[in-house]
N, C-alpha and C. Protein backbone atom coordinates (compact mmCIF):
# COMPACT_ATOMS: atom_id res chain seq x y z
N UNK A 1 -21.17 20.58 -26.41
CA UNK A 1 -20.65 21.84 -25.65
C UNK A 1 -20.47 22.68 -26.92
N UNK A 2 -21.32 23.80 -27.61
CA UNK A 2 -20.05 25.03 -28.46
C UNK A 2 -19.26 25.30 -28.38
N UNK A 3 -18.45 25.73 -29.30
CA UNK A 3 -17.43 26.25 -29.40
C UNK A 3 -17.05 27.12 -30.43
N UNK A 4 -15.72 27.95 -30.66
CA UNK A 4 -15.25 28.61 -31.41
C UNK A 4 -14.27 28.59 -31.60
N UNK A 5 -12.75 28.41 -31.76
CA UNK A 5 -11.55 27.89 -31.69
C UNK A 5 -10.67 28.60 -33.15
N UNK A 6 -9.91 29.97 -32.84
CA UNK A 6 -9.04 30.56 -34.07
C UNK A 6 -7.60 29.78 -33.63
N UNK A 7 -7.51 28.78 -35.54
CA UNK A 7 -6.24 27.87 -35.58
C UNK A 7 -5.81 28.39 -36.25
N UNK A 8 -4.78 27.92 -36.68
CA UNK A 8 -3.75 27.80 -38.03
C UNK A 8 -2.76 26.77 -38.43
N UNK A 9 -2.89 26.92 -39.95
CA UNK A 9 -2.94 25.07 -40.65
C UNK A 9 -1.49 25.46 -40.86
N UNK A 10 -0.22 24.95 -40.69
CA UNK A 10 1.34 25.33 -40.91
C UNK A 10 1.55 24.37 -41.95
N UNK A 11 1.77 24.20 -43.14
CA UNK A 11 2.11 22.97 -44.04
C UNK A 11 3.12 23.96 -44.97
N UNK A 12 4.39 23.24 -44.25
CA UNK A 12 5.73 23.90 -45.01
C UNK A 12 6.29 22.66 -46.12
N UNK A 13 6.67 23.21 -47.38
CA UNK A 13 7.01 22.48 -48.58
C UNK A 13 6.22 21.65 -49.47
N UNK A 14 4.98 22.22 -49.35
CA UNK A 14 3.65 21.20 -50.45
C UNK A 14 4.68 20.94 -51.68
N UNK A 15 3.81 20.18 -52.15
CA UNK A 15 4.53 20.01 -53.81
C UNK A 15 3.39 19.17 -54.56
N UNK A 16 4.10 18.27 -55.52
CA UNK A 16 2.75 18.40 -56.71
C UNK A 16 2.22 16.84 -55.86
N UNK A 17 2.09 17.02 -54.69
CA UNK A 17 1.34 15.21 -53.67
C UNK A 17 0.41 16.16 -53.51
N UNK A 18 -1.22 15.68 -52.94
CA UNK A 18 -2.29 16.46 -53.02
C UNK A 18 -2.22 16.88 -50.88
N UNK A 19 -2.04 18.43 -50.48
CA UNK A 19 -1.75 18.45 -48.67
C UNK A 19 -3.25 19.11 -49.03
N UNK A 20 -3.71 18.14 -47.73
CA UNK A 20 -5.06 18.44 -47.32
C UNK A 20 -4.82 19.54 -46.21
N UNK A 21 -5.30 21.17 -46.09
CA UNK A 21 -4.96 21.71 -45.54
C UNK A 21 -5.86 22.34 -44.26
N UNK A 22 -7.07 21.43 -44.30
CA UNK A 22 -7.95 21.48 -43.52
C UNK A 22 -8.75 19.88 -43.99
N UNK A 23 -9.40 18.98 -43.20
CA UNK A 23 -9.54 18.23 -43.43
C UNK A 23 -10.57 17.69 -42.27
N UNK A 24 -11.87 18.36 -42.55
CA UNK A 24 -13.21 18.68 -41.66
C UNK A 24 -13.50 17.33 -40.68
N UNK A 25 -14.31 17.67 -39.69
CA UNK A 25 -14.63 16.16 -39.33
C UNK A 25 -16.16 16.93 -39.10
N UNK A 26 -16.71 16.11 -38.70
CA UNK A 26 -18.66 15.97 -38.93
C UNK A 26 -18.55 16.88 -37.59
N UNK A 27 -20.00 17.70 -37.60
CA UNK A 27 -20.26 18.29 -36.34
C UNK A 27 -19.18 20.13 -36.33
N UNK A 28 -18.93 19.95 -37.71
CA UNK A 28 -17.55 20.75 -37.15
C UNK A 28 -18.04 21.89 -38.46
N UNK A 29 -18.24 23.90 -37.98
CA UNK A 29 -18.64 24.54 -39.62
C UNK A 29 -16.92 25.11 -39.14
N UNK A 30 -15.84 25.24 -40.24
CA UNK A 30 -14.66 25.93 -40.42
C UNK A 30 -14.78 27.09 -41.13
N UNK A 31 -14.20 28.15 -41.05
CA UNK A 31 -14.53 29.64 -41.55
C UNK A 31 -12.81 30.07 -42.50
N UNK A 32 -12.81 29.55 -43.43
CA UNK A 32 -11.22 30.38 -43.36
C UNK A 32 -11.25 31.48 -43.85
N UNK A 33 -10.32 32.11 -42.99
CA UNK A 33 -10.05 33.69 -42.66
C UNK A 33 -8.76 34.45 -44.16
N UNK A 34 -8.17 33.86 -44.09
CA UNK A 34 -7.26 33.68 -45.00
C UNK A 34 -5.42 33.05 -45.05
N UNK A 35 -5.68 32.84 -46.45
CA UNK A 35 -4.04 31.80 -46.91
C UNK A 35 -3.40 32.52 -47.27
N UNK A 36 -1.82 32.11 -46.74
CA UNK A 36 -1.12 32.49 -47.57
C UNK A 36 -0.06 31.58 -48.31
N UNK A 37 0.26 31.53 -49.36
CA UNK A 37 1.06 30.31 -50.16
C UNK A 37 2.35 31.26 -50.06
N UNK A 38 3.55 31.01 -50.32
CA UNK A 38 5.06 31.45 -50.46
C UNK A 38 6.33 30.39 -51.42
N UNK A 39 6.65 30.70 -52.22
CA UNK A 39 6.99 29.78 -53.15
C UNK A 39 8.32 30.08 -52.77
N UNK A 40 9.36 28.66 -51.88
CA UNK A 40 10.50 29.53 -51.19
C UNK A 40 12.10 28.73 -51.81
N UNK A 41 11.92 28.07 -52.86
CA UNK A 41 13.18 27.60 -53.58
C UNK A 41 13.57 28.08 -55.33
N UNK A 42 12.62 29.14 -55.37
CA UNK A 42 13.35 29.91 -56.13
C UNK A 42 13.14 30.12 -57.54
N UNK A 43 12.35 29.34 -58.38
CA UNK A 43 11.26 28.49 -59.19
C UNK A 43 9.84 28.78 -59.13
N UNK A 44 9.52 29.94 -60.34
CA UNK A 44 8.22 30.26 -60.64
C UNK A 44 7.55 28.29 -60.64
N UNK A 45 6.21 28.77 -60.20
CA UNK A 45 5.15 27.95 -60.32
C UNK A 45 3.81 28.19 -60.20
N UNK A 46 2.29 27.32 -60.76
CA UNK A 46 1.24 26.73 -60.68
C UNK A 46 0.33 25.96 -59.52
N UNK A 47 -0.10 26.22 -58.88
CA UNK A 47 -1.01 25.66 -57.87
C UNK A 47 -2.17 25.16 -58.14
N UNK A 48 -2.81 24.49 -57.35
CA UNK A 48 -4.16 24.10 -57.13
C UNK A 48 -4.98 24.12 -55.93
N UNK A 49 -6.30 25.38 -55.45
CA UNK A 49 -6.77 25.08 -54.27
C UNK A 49 -7.94 24.84 -54.68
N UNK A 50 -8.43 23.73 -54.13
CA UNK A 50 -10.04 23.76 -53.97
C UNK A 50 -10.65 23.48 -52.45
N UNK A 51 -11.72 22.75 -52.85
CA UNK A 51 -12.61 22.00 -51.89
C UNK A 51 -13.22 20.87 -52.33
N UNK A 52 -12.62 19.73 -51.44
CA UNK A 52 -13.39 19.02 -51.82
C UNK A 52 -14.38 18.09 -51.05
N UNK A 53 -15.68 18.88 -51.41
CA UNK A 53 -17.44 18.26 -51.04
C UNK A 53 -17.02 17.14 -50.16
N UNK A 54 -17.52 16.63 -48.66
CA UNK A 54 -17.44 16.23 -47.90
C UNK A 54 -16.11 14.58 -48.39
N UNK A 55 -15.33 15.29 -48.56
CA UNK A 55 -14.11 14.28 -48.83
C UNK A 55 -14.29 13.12 -50.35
N UNK A 56 -15.25 13.66 -50.53
CA UNK A 56 -15.97 12.70 -51.92
C UNK A 56 -15.02 12.20 -52.83
N UNK A 57 -14.01 13.19 -53.24
CA UNK A 57 -13.01 13.42 -54.28
C UNK A 57 -13.68 14.05 -55.46
N UNK A 58 -14.58 14.36 -55.80
CA UNK A 58 -14.91 15.52 -56.12
C UNK A 58 -14.44 17.16 -55.84
N UNK A 59 -13.68 17.90 -56.88
CA UNK A 59 -12.77 18.98 -56.60
C UNK A 59 -13.62 19.96 -56.55
N UNK A 60 -13.90 21.16 -56.52
CA UNK A 60 -14.67 22.22 -56.64
C UNK A 60 -13.20 23.54 -56.39
N UNK A 61 -13.37 23.96 -57.46
CA UNK A 61 -11.68 24.67 -57.80
C UNK A 61 -11.80 26.22 -57.45
N UNK A 62 -10.87 27.06 -56.07
CA UNK A 62 -11.57 28.06 -56.22
C UNK A 62 -10.18 29.16 -56.70
N UNK A 63 -8.70 28.03 -56.90
CA UNK A 63 -7.79 29.05 -57.96
C UNK A 63 -7.48 27.55 -59.22
N UNK A 64 -7.14 27.70 -60.37
CA UNK A 64 -6.75 26.24 -60.83
C UNK A 64 -6.39 26.58 -61.70
N UNK A 65 -4.53 26.38 -61.74
CA UNK A 65 -3.68 26.59 -62.48
C UNK A 65 -3.20 28.38 -62.47
N UNK A 66 -2.87 28.44 -61.41
CA UNK A 66 -2.80 29.89 -60.59
C UNK A 66 -1.53 30.16 -60.32
N UNK A 67 -0.34 30.97 -60.88
CA UNK A 67 1.18 31.37 -61.04
C UNK A 67 0.73 31.83 -59.77
N UNK A 68 2.54 31.07 -59.53
CA UNK A 68 3.25 31.87 -58.07
C UNK A 68 4.65 31.84 -58.67
N UNK A 69 4.92 33.23 -58.44
CA UNK A 69 6.02 33.40 -59.01
C UNK A 69 7.28 32.99 -58.45
N UNK A 70 8.74 32.96 -58.84
CA UNK A 70 9.50 32.68 -57.90
C UNK A 70 9.57 33.36 -56.98
N UNK A 71 10.03 32.52 -55.77
CA UNK A 71 9.97 33.87 -54.33
C UNK A 71 8.96 34.82 -54.14
N UNK A 72 8.19 34.28 -54.53
CA UNK A 72 6.62 35.32 -54.31
C UNK A 72 5.84 34.64 -53.40
N UNK A 73 4.81 35.47 -52.49
CA UNK A 73 4.11 35.50 -52.17
C UNK A 73 2.55 35.56 -52.33
N UNK A 74 1.71 34.60 -52.25
CA UNK A 74 0.32 35.00 -52.98
C UNK A 74 -1.14 34.80 -51.59
N UNK A 75 -1.97 36.17 -51.71
CA UNK A 75 -2.54 35.76 -50.44
C UNK A 75 -4.45 35.47 -51.37
N UNK A 76 -4.54 34.72 -50.24
CA UNK A 76 -6.52 35.26 -50.51
C UNK A 76 -7.02 35.35 -49.17
N UNK A 77 -7.58 36.48 -49.42
CA UNK A 77 -8.20 37.26 -48.11
C UNK A 77 -9.70 37.30 -47.98
N UNK A 78 -10.34 36.47 -49.02
CA UNK A 78 -11.86 36.44 -49.01
C UNK A 78 -11.84 34.54 -48.17
N UNK A 79 -13.58 34.66 -46.86
CA UNK A 79 -13.44 34.34 -46.22
C UNK A 79 -13.94 33.06 -47.39
N UNK A 80 -13.96 31.57 -47.11
CA UNK A 80 -13.89 30.14 -47.33
C UNK A 80 -15.09 29.74 -45.99
N UNK A 81 -16.13 28.72 -46.67
CA UNK A 81 -16.62 28.10 -45.38
C UNK A 81 -16.40 26.62 -46.36
N UNK A 82 -16.43 25.72 -44.78
CA UNK A 82 -16.04 24.40 -45.25
C UNK A 82 -17.13 23.97 -44.36
N UNK A 83 -18.00 23.21 -44.13
CA UNK A 83 -19.20 22.72 -43.57
C UNK A 83 -18.56 20.64 -43.12
N UNK A 84 -18.41 20.62 -41.64
CA UNK A 84 -18.61 18.68 -41.38
C UNK A 84 -17.02 18.25 -42.28
N UNK A 85 -17.27 16.86 -42.88
CA UNK A 85 -16.49 16.58 -43.56
C UNK A 85 -15.55 17.10 -45.00
N UNK A 86 -15.76 18.34 -44.67
CA UNK A 86 -15.44 19.02 -46.22
C UNK A 86 -14.16 19.24 -46.47
N UNK A 87 -13.00 19.45 -47.05
CA UNK A 87 -11.55 19.07 -47.00
C UNK A 87 -11.16 20.12 -48.09
N UNK A 88 -10.25 21.22 -47.62
CA UNK A 88 -9.13 21.98 -48.03
C UNK A 88 -7.88 21.93 -48.42
N UNK A 89 -7.88 20.99 -49.95
CA UNK A 89 -6.98 20.99 -50.82
C UNK A 89 -5.61 21.72 -51.45
N UNK A 90 -5.01 21.68 -51.67
CA UNK A 90 -3.44 21.83 -52.39
C UNK A 90 -2.51 20.88 -53.47
N UNK A 91 -2.34 21.85 -53.91
CA UNK A 91 -0.96 20.73 -54.85
C UNK A 91 -0.42 21.55 -56.13
N UNK A 92 0.61 21.74 -56.46
CA UNK A 92 1.31 21.99 -57.41
C UNK A 92 1.23 21.63 -58.78
N UNK A 93 1.76 21.87 -59.73
CA UNK A 93 1.44 21.17 -61.36
C UNK A 93 2.68 20.14 -61.24
N UNK A 94 3.65 20.85 -60.36
CA UNK A 94 5.34 20.08 -60.47
C UNK A 94 5.81 20.00 -58.98
N UNK A 95 7.00 19.10 -58.57
CA UNK A 95 7.78 19.35 -57.98
C UNK A 95 8.16 20.91 -57.40
N UNK A 96 7.80 21.35 -55.79
CA UNK A 96 8.20 22.50 -55.99
C UNK A 96 8.34 22.40 -54.60
N UNK A 97 8.55 23.35 -53.57
CA UNK A 97 8.64 23.58 -51.98
C UNK A 97 8.28 25.31 -52.00
N UNK A 98 6.97 24.56 -51.77
CA UNK A 98 5.51 26.19 -51.50
C UNK A 98 5.63 25.84 -50.40
N UNK A 99 5.63 26.56 -49.30
CA UNK A 99 4.93 26.74 -48.27
C UNK A 99 3.17 28.04 -47.47
N UNK A 100 2.63 27.29 -47.07
CA UNK A 100 1.10 27.53 -46.79
C UNK A 100 0.75 27.61 -45.59
N UNK A 101 -0.12 28.67 -45.14
CA UNK A 101 -0.22 29.13 -44.07
C UNK A 101 -1.73 29.30 -44.09
N UNK A 102 -3.10 28.56 -43.21
CA UNK A 102 -4.27 28.67 -43.28
C UNK A 102 -4.25 29.70 -42.08
N UNK A 103 -5.34 30.46 -41.72
CA UNK A 103 -5.91 31.54 -40.65
C UNK A 103 -7.58 30.58 -40.61
N UNK A 104 -7.65 29.72 -39.50
CA UNK A 104 -9.45 29.84 -39.73
C UNK A 104 -9.99 29.92 -38.35
N UNK A 105 -11.32 30.04 -38.67
CA UNK A 105 -11.90 29.75 -37.21
C UNK A 105 -13.04 28.22 -37.54
N UNK A 106 -12.69 27.08 -35.82
CA UNK A 106 -13.52 26.26 -35.79
C UNK A 106 -14.21 26.66 -35.20
N UNK A 107 -15.42 26.03 -35.71
CA UNK A 107 -16.60 26.42 -34.41
C UNK A 107 -17.62 24.63 -34.80
N UNK A 108 -18.38 24.64 -33.33
CA UNK A 108 -18.71 23.13 -33.12
C UNK A 108 -19.83 23.20 -32.38
N UNK A 109 -21.33 23.16 -32.40
CA UNK A 109 -22.32 22.71 -32.52
C UNK A 109 -22.06 22.58 -30.45
């Protein structure tokens, strides 16, 4: 049975280890509506946001070494489509304290 669900992924205290913001499942299509990234420790950071096609290890960058100022918020408002087992990943360049919120639509056939 087909379904469409609005969902949110809340990922607090992201740092320099890969975080799977959305870890796709076969038979699903995900439409990312917005991503909010907030630095909470008072130290400027850089981050990468990427899609790993089929979670196979090849990253396709949306942002690479994107600057994020101390105590600042970055918003991505363009749609991103993930299919099946695609993975939306996030990582900072160094040890950090960054919160990430992803709003998305999860569709199944």
